[in-house]
């Protein structure tokens, strides 16, 4: 079991829509897309299943299905994305959701995940993050303590 103190390994599962309604779905036969994250020597390439990517992100769907060159080359670039949050997105589309934040550093991480989710128009991950952030603050209200709003302000300003 992963420790709540290790955000890289703190995951729970969820079922992507395509896998939930189609039991014959085989990831082995689906076409792949190459995603390039970052710029220069820090750039990293990821191979992702096209159908899961398009189902999970309106941005990726528009790029891959609406752009003739990108639909032919099957390659997308996210030069300004942070690898950590792109990897959270990948885990999400393959059925793993990050565990809820339990402290201020977890909250800051969730706000950054939310910002990434909004940048690639991923409604389900966006909604999940908003719900988890809301629950984090409701916990303070329930215990009649002041919520640490400065954590959100600091994250958004960075």
N, C-alpha and C. Protein backbone atom coordinates (compact mmCIF):
# COMPACT_ATOMS: atom_id res chain seq x y z
N UNK A 1 0.85 -1.19 0.00
CA UNK A 1 0.00 0.00 0.00
C UNK A 1 0.88 1.24 0.00
N UNK A 2 0.57 2.20 -0.84
CA UNK A 2 1.37 3.43 -0.94
C UNK A 2 1.13 4.32 0.26
N UNK A 3 2.15 5.01 0.63
CA UNK A 3 2.06 5.95 1.74
C UNK A 3 1.46 7.26 1.27
N UNK A 4 0.65 7.91 2.11
CA UNK A 4 0.08 9.20 1.77
C UNK A 4 1.16 10.27 1.69
N UNK A 5 2.35 10.02 2.24
CA UNK A 5 3.42 10.99 2.21
C UNK A 5 4.17 10.97 0.88
N UNK A 6 3.96 9.98 0.06
CA UNK A 6 4.64 9.86 -1.22
C UNK A 6 3.65 10.12 -2.35
N UNK A 7 3.54 11.37 -2.82
CA UNK A 7 2.53 11.71 -3.80
C UNK A 7 2.71 10.98 -5.13
N UNK A 8 3.93 10.56 -5.48
CA UNK A 8 4.15 9.86 -6.73
C UNK A 8 3.48 8.48 -6.73
N UNK A 9 3.34 7.88 -5.54
CA UNK A 9 2.79 6.53 -5.47
C UNK A 9 1.40 6.49 -4.86
N UNK A 10 0.82 7.64 -4.63
CA UNK A 10 -0.50 7.69 -3.99
C UNK A 10 -1.59 7.71 -5.05
N UNK A 11 -2.07 6.54 -5.42
CA UNK A 11 -3.06 6.43 -6.47
C UNK A 11 -4.23 5.58 -6.01
N UNK A 12 -5.37 5.86 -6.57
CA UNK A 12 -6.52 4.99 -6.44
C UNK A 12 -6.99 4.74 -7.86
N UNK A 13 -7.91 3.82 -8.06
CA UNK A 13 -8.30 3.51 -9.43
C UNK A 13 -9.65 4.11 -9.78
N UNK A 14 -9.83 4.35 -11.06
CA UNK A 14 -11.11 4.72 -11.64
C UNK A 14 -11.15 4.04 -13.00
N UNK A 15 -12.31 3.91 -13.60
CA UNK A 15 -12.43 3.22 -14.88
C UNK A 15 -12.71 4.23 -15.98
N UNK A 16 -11.80 4.35 -16.97
CA UNK A 16 -12.08 5.23 -18.10
C UNK A 16 -13.37 4.81 -18.79
N UNK A 17 -14.10 5.77 -19.34
CA UNK A 17 -15.40 5.49 -19.94
C UNK A 17 -15.33 4.37 -20.97
N UNK A 18 -14.33 4.41 -21.85
CA UNK A 18 -14.25 3.41 -22.91
C UNK A 18 -14.08 2.00 -22.36
N UNK A 19 -13.34 1.87 -21.28
CA UNK A 19 -13.13 0.55 -20.69
C UNK A 19 -14.35 0.10 -19.89
N UNK A 20 -15.13 1.05 -19.39
CA UNK A 20 -16.28 0.72 -18.57
C UNK A 20 -17.41 0.11 -19.39
N UNK A 21 -17.64 0.62 -20.61
CA UNK A 21 -18.79 0.13 -21.36
C UNK A 21 -18.44 -0.90 -22.42
N UNK A 22 -17.19 -1.12 -22.71
CA UNK A 22 -16.79 -2.06 -23.75
C UNK A 22 -15.81 -3.08 -23.19
N UNK A 23 -16.33 -4.23 -22.82
CA UNK A 23 -15.50 -5.26 -22.20
C UNK A 23 -14.56 -5.93 -23.21
N UNK A 24 -14.81 -5.74 -24.52
CA UNK A 24 -13.94 -6.36 -25.52
C UNK A 24 -12.80 -5.43 -25.92
N UNK A 25 -12.70 -4.29 -25.28
CA UNK A 25 -11.68 -3.29 -25.58
C UNK A 25 -10.30 -3.88 -25.34
N UNK A 26 -9.47 -3.92 -26.36
CA UNK A 26 -8.12 -4.46 -26.21
C UNK A 26 -7.10 -3.37 -26.49
N UNK A 27 -6.36 -2.98 -25.47
CA UNK A 27 -5.34 -1.95 -25.63
C UNK A 27 -4.20 -2.41 -26.53
N UNK A 28 -4.07 -3.72 -26.71
CA UNK A 28 -2.97 -4.24 -27.52
C UNK A 28 -3.13 -3.92 -29.00
N UNK A 29 -4.36 -3.72 -29.46
CA UNK A 29 -4.59 -3.52 -30.90
C UNK A 29 -4.88 -2.07 -31.27
N UNK A 30 -4.92 -1.18 -30.31
CA UNK A 30 -5.25 0.22 -30.60
C UNK A 30 -4.05 0.98 -31.17
N UNK A 31 -4.32 1.93 -32.07
CA UNK A 31 -3.22 2.74 -32.59
C UNK A 31 -2.64 3.65 -31.51
N UNK A 32 -1.36 3.95 -31.65
CA UNK A 32 -0.65 4.76 -30.67
C UNK A 32 -0.38 6.16 -31.22
N UNK A 33 -0.20 7.11 -30.29
CA UNK A 33 0.16 8.49 -30.61
C UNK A 33 1.42 8.79 -29.82
N UNK A 34 2.31 9.58 -30.39
CA UNK A 34 3.51 10.03 -29.68
C UNK A 34 3.24 11.42 -29.14
N UNK A 35 3.48 11.60 -27.86
CA UNK A 35 3.33 12.90 -27.21
C UNK A 35 4.72 13.36 -26.78
N UNK A 36 5.10 14.56 -27.19
CA UNK A 36 6.38 15.14 -26.80
C UNK A 36 6.12 16.20 -25.75
N UNK A 37 6.71 16.04 -24.58
CA UNK A 37 6.49 16.95 -23.46
C UNK A 37 7.80 17.66 -23.14
N UNK A 38 7.75 18.99 -23.05
CA UNK A 38 8.93 19.78 -22.73
C UNK A 38 9.65 20.24 -23.99
N UNK A 39 10.80 20.89 -23.79
CA UNK A 39 11.61 21.38 -24.91
C UNK A 39 13.09 21.04 -24.67
N UNK A 40 13.85 21.07 -25.75
CA UNK A 40 15.29 20.89 -25.64
C UNK A 40 15.69 19.52 -25.11
N UNK A 41 16.80 19.48 -24.38
CA UNK A 41 17.30 18.20 -23.89
C UNK A 41 16.39 17.56 -22.83
N UNK A 42 15.49 18.35 -22.24
CA UNK A 42 14.58 17.80 -21.23
C UNK A 42 13.30 17.23 -21.86
N UNK A 43 13.16 17.35 -23.16
CA UNK A 43 11.96 16.84 -23.84
C UNK A 43 11.88 15.33 -23.67
N UNK A 44 10.67 14.85 -23.44
CA UNK A 44 10.46 13.42 -23.25
C UNK A 44 9.31 12.97 -24.15
N UNK A 45 9.47 11.80 -24.76
CA UNK A 45 8.44 11.25 -25.64
C UNK A 45 7.65 10.17 -24.89
N UNK A 46 6.34 10.21 -25.07
CA UNK A 46 5.45 9.22 -24.47
C UNK A 46 4.62 8.59 -25.59
N UNK A 47 4.36 7.30 -25.51
CA UNK A 47 3.45 6.62 -26.44
C UNK A 47 2.14 6.39 -25.69
N UNK A 48 1.07 6.84 -26.30
CA UNK A 48 -0.25 6.79 -25.66
C UNK A 48 -1.25 6.22 -26.66
N UNK A 49 -2.21 5.46 -26.17
CA UNK A 49 -3.26 4.92 -27.04
C UNK A 49 -4.15 6.05 -27.53
N UNK A 50 -4.28 6.15 -28.85
CA UNK A 50 -5.02 7.22 -29.50
C UNK A 50 -6.46 7.32 -28.98
N UNK A 51 -7.18 6.21 -28.92
CA UNK A 51 -8.59 6.25 -28.51
C UNK A 51 -8.77 6.75 -27.08
N UNK A 52 -7.94 6.28 -26.16
CA UNK A 52 -8.05 6.75 -24.78
C UNK A 52 -7.72 8.23 -24.67
N UNK A 53 -6.72 8.67 -25.40
CA UNK A 53 -6.31 10.07 -25.38
C UNK A 53 -7.43 10.96 -25.92
N UNK A 54 -7.99 10.58 -27.06
CA UNK A 54 -9.05 11.38 -27.67
C UNK A 54 -10.32 11.37 -26.83
N UNK A 55 -10.60 10.26 -26.17
CA UNK A 55 -11.79 10.19 -25.32
C UNK A 55 -11.63 11.06 -24.07
N UNK A 56 -10.41 11.16 -23.58
CA UNK A 56 -10.16 11.84 -22.32
C UNK A 56 -9.91 13.34 -22.45
N UNK A 57 -9.49 13.80 -23.61
CA UNK A 57 -9.11 15.19 -23.76
C UNK A 57 -9.71 15.79 -25.03
N UNK A 58 -10.55 16.80 -24.86
CA UNK A 58 -11.14 17.49 -26.00
C UNK A 58 -10.05 18.15 -26.84
N UNK A 59 -9.02 18.68 -26.18
CA UNK A 59 -7.91 19.31 -26.88
C UNK A 59 -7.20 18.31 -27.78
N UNK A 60 -6.87 17.16 -27.23
CA UNK A 60 -6.16 16.14 -28.02
C UNK A 60 -7.04 15.62 -29.15
N UNK A 61 -8.32 15.43 -28.88
CA UNK A 61 -9.25 14.97 -29.91
C UNK A 61 -9.30 15.98 -31.06
N UNK A 62 -9.40 17.27 -30.73
CA UNK A 62 -9.44 18.31 -31.77
C UNK A 62 -8.14 18.32 -32.57
N UNK A 63 -7.02 18.19 -31.88
CA UNK A 63 -5.72 18.21 -32.57
C UNK A 63 -5.54 16.98 -33.46
N UNK A 64 -5.90 15.81 -32.97
CA UNK A 64 -5.64 14.58 -33.72
C UNK A 64 -6.68 14.29 -34.79
N UNK A 65 -7.91 14.74 -34.58
CA UNK A 65 -8.95 14.45 -35.56
C UNK A 65 -9.25 15.64 -36.47
N UNK A 66 -8.89 16.84 -36.02
CA UNK A 66 -9.20 18.02 -36.82
C UNK A 66 -8.02 18.56 -37.60
N UNK A 67 -6.82 18.17 -37.25
CA UNK A 67 -5.62 18.67 -37.89
C UNK A 67 -5.05 17.57 -38.78
N UNK A 68 -5.08 17.79 -40.10
CA UNK A 68 -4.69 16.75 -41.04
C UNK A 68 -3.26 16.28 -40.82
N UNK A 69 -2.33 17.21 -40.62
CA UNK A 69 -0.92 16.83 -40.43
C UNK A 69 -0.75 16.00 -39.16
N UNK A 70 -1.36 16.45 -38.06
CA UNK A 70 -1.19 15.72 -36.79
C UNK A 70 -1.91 14.39 -36.82
N UNK A 71 -3.05 14.31 -37.51
CA UNK A 71 -3.75 13.02 -37.58
C UNK A 71 -2.94 12.03 -38.43
N UNK A 72 -2.15 12.53 -39.38
CA UNK A 72 -1.32 11.66 -40.19
C UNK A 72 -0.07 11.21 -39.44
N UNK A 73 0.62 12.16 -38.78
CA UNK A 73 1.86 11.83 -38.08
C UNK A 73 1.62 11.21 -36.71
N UNK A 74 0.42 11.41 -36.15
CA UNK A 74 0.08 10.89 -34.82
C UNK A 74 1.08 11.37 -33.78
N UNK A 75 1.37 12.68 -33.80
CA UNK A 75 2.31 13.26 -32.86
C UNK A 75 1.78 14.59 -32.34
N UNK A 76 1.79 14.74 -31.01
CA UNK A 76 1.39 16.00 -30.37
C UNK A 76 2.55 16.51 -29.54
N UNK A 77 2.60 17.83 -29.37
CA UNK A 77 3.66 18.44 -28.58
C UNK A 77 3.06 19.31 -27.49
N UNK A 78 3.57 19.15 -26.27
CA UNK A 78 3.20 19.99 -25.13
C UNK A 78 4.49 20.62 -24.60
N UNK A 79 4.97 21.71 -25.24
CA UNK A 79 6.27 22.26 -24.84
C UNK A 79 6.29 22.88 -23.44
N UNK A 80 5.15 23.40 -22.98
CA UNK A 80 5.15 24.08 -21.67
C UNK A 80 4.65 23.20 -20.53
N UNK A 81 4.25 21.98 -20.83
CA UNK A 81 3.72 21.11 -19.78
C UNK A 81 4.84 20.57 -18.90
N UNK A 82 4.55 20.43 -17.62
CA UNK A 82 5.50 19.80 -16.71
C UNK A 82 5.29 18.29 -16.78
N UNK A 83 6.39 17.56 -16.88
CA UNK A 83 6.31 16.11 -17.03
C UNK A 83 5.51 15.46 -15.90
N UNK A 84 5.69 15.94 -14.69
CA UNK A 84 5.00 15.35 -13.53
C UNK A 84 3.49 15.37 -13.73
N UNK A 85 2.96 16.49 -14.21
CA UNK A 85 1.51 16.61 -14.34
C UNK A 85 1.00 15.92 -15.60
N UNK A 86 1.83 15.86 -16.64
CA UNK A 86 1.45 15.08 -17.81
C UNK A 86 1.37 13.61 -17.43
N UNK A 87 2.30 13.15 -16.61
CA UNK A 87 2.28 11.75 -16.17
C UNK A 87 1.06 11.45 -15.30
N UNK A 88 0.62 12.42 -14.51
CA UNK A 88 -0.62 12.25 -13.74
C UNK A 88 -1.79 12.07 -14.71
N UNK A 89 -1.81 12.90 -15.77
CA UNK A 89 -2.84 12.80 -16.80
C UNK A 89 -2.81 11.41 -17.45
N UNK A 90 -1.62 10.91 -17.76
CA UNK A 90 -1.50 9.57 -18.35
C UNK A 90 -2.05 8.50 -17.40
N UNK A 91 -1.66 8.61 -16.14
CA UNK A 91 -2.18 7.65 -15.16
C UNK A 91 -3.71 7.71 -15.12
N UNK A 92 -4.25 8.92 -15.21
CA UNK A 92 -5.70 9.11 -15.18
C UNK A 92 -6.37 8.40 -16.36
N UNK A 93 -5.87 8.62 -17.58
CA UNK A 93 -6.55 8.02 -18.73
C UNK A 93 -6.42 6.50 -18.75
N UNK A 94 -5.44 5.98 -18.05
CA UNK A 94 -5.30 4.52 -17.95
C UNK A 94 -5.94 3.96 -16.69
N UNK A 95 -6.71 4.78 -15.98
CA UNK A 95 -7.54 4.26 -14.90
C UNK A 95 -7.06 4.49 -13.48
N UNK A 96 -6.07 5.35 -13.28
CA UNK A 96 -5.56 5.60 -11.93
C UNK A 96 -5.73 7.07 -11.57
N UNK A 97 -6.41 7.31 -10.47
CA UNK A 97 -6.64 8.69 -10.01
C UNK A 97 -5.71 9.01 -8.84
N UNK A 98 -5.17 10.22 -8.82
CA UNK A 98 -4.33 10.58 -7.66
C UNK A 98 -5.18 10.63 -6.39
N UNK A 99 -4.59 10.20 -5.30
CA UNK A 99 -5.31 10.23 -4.01
C UNK A 99 -5.54 11.67 -3.58
N UNK A 100 -6.55 11.86 -2.80
CA UNK A 100 -6.94 13.19 -2.34
C UNK A 100 -5.84 13.85 -1.53
N UNK A 101 -5.73 15.18 -1.61
CA UNK A 101 -4.72 15.87 -0.82
C UNK A 101 -5.03 15.80 0.67
N UNK A 102 -3.99 15.61 1.47
CA UNK A 102 -4.18 15.54 2.92
C UNK A 102 -3.41 16.64 3.64
N UNK A 103 -2.58 17.37 2.91
CA UNK A 103 -1.81 18.46 3.52
C UNK A 103 -1.62 19.56 2.49
N UNK A 104 -0.96 20.64 2.88
CA UNK A 104 -0.85 21.79 1.98
C UNK A 104 -0.02 21.49 0.74
N UNK A 105 1.01 20.65 0.84
CA UNK A 105 1.79 20.33 -0.37
C UNK A 105 0.96 19.48 -1.32
N UNK A 106 0.16 18.58 -0.79
CA UNK A 106 -0.75 17.79 -1.63
C UNK A 106 -1.79 18.67 -2.29
N UNK A 107 -2.26 19.68 -1.57
CA UNK A 107 -3.23 20.62 -2.13
C UNK A 107 -2.61 21.40 -3.28
N UNK A 108 -1.38 21.90 -3.08
CA UNK A 108 -0.71 22.65 -4.15
C UNK A 108 -0.53 21.77 -5.39
N UNK A 109 -0.19 20.51 -5.18
CA UNK A 109 -0.03 19.58 -6.30
C UNK A 109 -1.35 19.39 -7.03
N UNK A 110 -2.45 19.28 -6.28
CA UNK A 110 -3.75 19.10 -6.90
C UNK A 110 -4.18 20.33 -7.70
N UNK A 111 -3.84 21.51 -7.22
CA UNK A 111 -4.17 22.73 -7.97
C UNK A 111 -3.40 22.74 -9.29
N UNK A 112 -2.15 22.29 -9.26
CA UNK A 112 -1.36 22.24 -10.50
C UNK A 112 -1.90 21.17 -11.45
N UNK A 113 -2.35 20.05 -10.91
CA UNK A 113 -2.98 19.02 -11.74
C UNK A 113 -4.24 19.60 -12.38
N UNK A 114 -5.02 20.33 -11.59
CA UNK A 114 -6.23 20.98 -12.10
C UNK A 114 -5.90 21.93 -13.25
N UNK A 115 -4.86 22.74 -13.09
CA UNK A 115 -4.46 23.67 -14.15
C UNK A 115 -4.07 22.92 -15.42
N UNK A 116 -3.35 21.81 -15.27
CA UNK A 116 -2.98 21.01 -16.44
C UNK A 116 -4.23 20.42 -17.08
N UNK A 117 -5.13 19.88 -16.26
CA UNK A 117 -6.36 19.28 -16.79
C UNK A 117 -7.16 20.30 -17.60
N UNK A 118 -7.22 21.51 -17.12
CA UNK A 118 -7.93 22.57 -17.85
C UNK A 118 -7.22 22.93 -19.14
N UNK A 119 -5.89 22.86 -19.14
CA UNK A 119 -5.14 23.24 -20.35
C UNK A 119 -5.34 22.24 -21.48
N UNK A 120 -5.63 20.98 -21.16
CA UNK A 120 -5.87 19.98 -22.20
C UNK A 120 -7.35 19.60 -22.29
N UNK A 121 -8.19 20.39 -21.65
CA UNK A 121 -9.65 20.22 -21.73
C UNK A 121 -10.08 18.81 -21.35
N UNK A 122 -9.64 18.38 -20.17
CA UNK A 122 -9.97 17.06 -19.66
C UNK A 122 -11.02 17.22 -18.57
N UNK A 123 -12.28 17.15 -18.97
CA UNK A 123 -13.38 17.46 -18.07
C UNK A 123 -13.44 16.54 -16.85
N UNK A 124 -13.29 15.24 -17.04
CA UNK A 124 -13.39 14.32 -15.91
C UNK A 124 -12.29 14.54 -14.87
N UNK A 125 -11.05 14.69 -15.32
CA UNK A 125 -9.96 14.94 -14.38
C UNK A 125 -10.12 16.31 -13.73
N UNK A 126 -10.56 17.28 -14.49
CA UNK A 126 -10.85 18.61 -13.96
C UNK A 126 -11.87 18.52 -12.82
N UNK A 127 -12.98 17.84 -13.07
CA UNK A 127 -14.04 17.71 -12.06
C UNK A 127 -13.56 16.94 -10.84
N UNK A 128 -12.77 15.91 -11.07
CA UNK A 128 -12.22 15.12 -9.96
C UNK A 128 -11.35 16.01 -9.07
N UNK A 129 -10.49 16.81 -9.68
CA UNK A 129 -9.60 17.70 -8.91
C UNK A 129 -10.40 18.73 -8.13
N UNK A 130 -11.38 19.34 -8.77
CA UNK A 130 -12.22 20.34 -8.08
C UNK A 130 -12.91 19.69 -6.88
N UNK A 131 -13.44 18.49 -7.07
CA UNK A 131 -14.10 17.79 -5.96
C UNK A 131 -13.14 17.51 -4.81
N UNK A 132 -11.93 17.07 -5.13
CA UNK A 132 -10.96 16.75 -4.08
C UNK A 132 -10.49 18.01 -3.35
N UNK A 133 -10.30 19.09 -4.08
CA UNK A 133 -9.91 20.36 -3.45
C UNK A 133 -11.03 20.86 -2.55
N UNK A 134 -12.25 20.75 -3.04
CA UNK A 134 -13.42 21.16 -2.23
C UNK A 134 -13.50 20.34 -0.94
N UNK A 135 -13.31 19.03 -1.06
CA UNK A 135 -13.35 18.17 0.13
C UNK A 135 -12.24 18.53 1.12
N UNK A 136 -11.09 18.91 0.60
CA UNK A 136 -9.98 19.31 1.46
C UNK A 136 -10.39 20.49 2.33
N UNK A 137 -11.02 21.49 1.71
CA UNK A 137 -11.43 22.67 2.46
C UNK A 137 -12.65 22.40 3.35
N UNK A 138 -13.54 21.52 2.93
CA UNK A 138 -14.68 21.17 3.77
C UNK A 138 -14.24 20.49 5.06
N UNK A 139 -13.13 19.79 5.00
CA UNK A 139 -12.59 19.15 6.20
C UNK A 139 -12.25 20.18 7.27
N UNK A 140 -11.72 21.32 6.85
CA UNK A 140 -11.41 22.40 7.79
C UNK A 140 -12.69 23.00 8.36
N UNK A 141 -13.67 23.18 7.49
CA UNK A 141 -14.95 23.75 7.93
C UNK A 141 -15.62 22.81 8.94
N UNK A 142 -15.56 21.54 8.69
CA UNK A 142 -16.16 20.54 9.57
C UNK A 142 -15.52 20.58 10.96
N UNK A 143 -14.21 20.79 10.99
CA UNK A 143 -13.48 20.84 12.26
C UNK A 143 -13.44 22.25 12.85
N UNK A 144 -14.17 23.18 12.23
CA UNK A 144 -14.26 24.57 12.69
C UNK A 144 -12.89 25.22 12.81
N UNK A 145 -12.06 24.95 11.79
CA UNK A 145 -10.74 25.57 11.71
C UNK A 145 -10.68 26.40 10.44
N UNK A 146 -9.80 27.36 10.44
CA UNK A 146 -9.63 28.22 9.28
C UNK A 146 -8.87 27.47 8.18
N UNK A 147 -9.41 27.50 6.98
CA UNK A 147 -8.77 26.82 5.85
C UNK A 147 -7.56 27.61 5.37
N UNK A 148 -6.51 26.93 4.92
CA UNK A 148 -5.28 27.61 4.46
C UNK A 148 -5.39 28.11 3.03
N UNK A 149 -6.18 29.15 2.81
CA UNK A 149 -6.39 29.69 1.46
C UNK A 149 -5.11 30.19 0.83
N UNK A 150 -4.13 30.58 1.65
CA UNK A 150 -2.87 31.06 1.08
C UNK A 150 -2.20 29.98 0.24
N UNK A 151 -2.45 28.70 0.54
CA UNK A 151 -1.85 27.62 -0.24
C UNK A 151 -2.31 27.69 -1.70
N UNK A 152 -3.58 27.98 -1.90
CA UNK A 152 -4.10 28.10 -3.26
C UNK A 152 -3.51 29.33 -3.93
N UNK A 153 -3.48 30.45 -3.25
CA UNK A 153 -2.95 31.69 -3.84
C UNK A 153 -1.49 31.51 -4.27
N UNK A 154 -0.69 30.90 -3.43
CA UNK A 154 0.72 30.69 -3.75
C UNK A 154 0.89 29.79 -4.98
N UNK A 155 0.08 28.78 -5.09
CA UNK A 155 0.17 27.85 -6.21
C UNK A 155 -0.21 28.53 -7.51
N UNK A 156 -1.30 29.27 -7.51
CA UNK A 156 -1.76 29.92 -8.73
C UNK A 156 -0.78 30.99 -9.20
N UNK A 157 -0.11 31.65 -8.26
CA UNK A 157 0.83 32.71 -8.63
C UNK A 157 2.11 32.15 -9.23
N UNK A 158 2.46 30.91 -8.92
CA UNK A 158 3.73 30.34 -9.41
C UNK A 158 3.69 30.02 -10.88
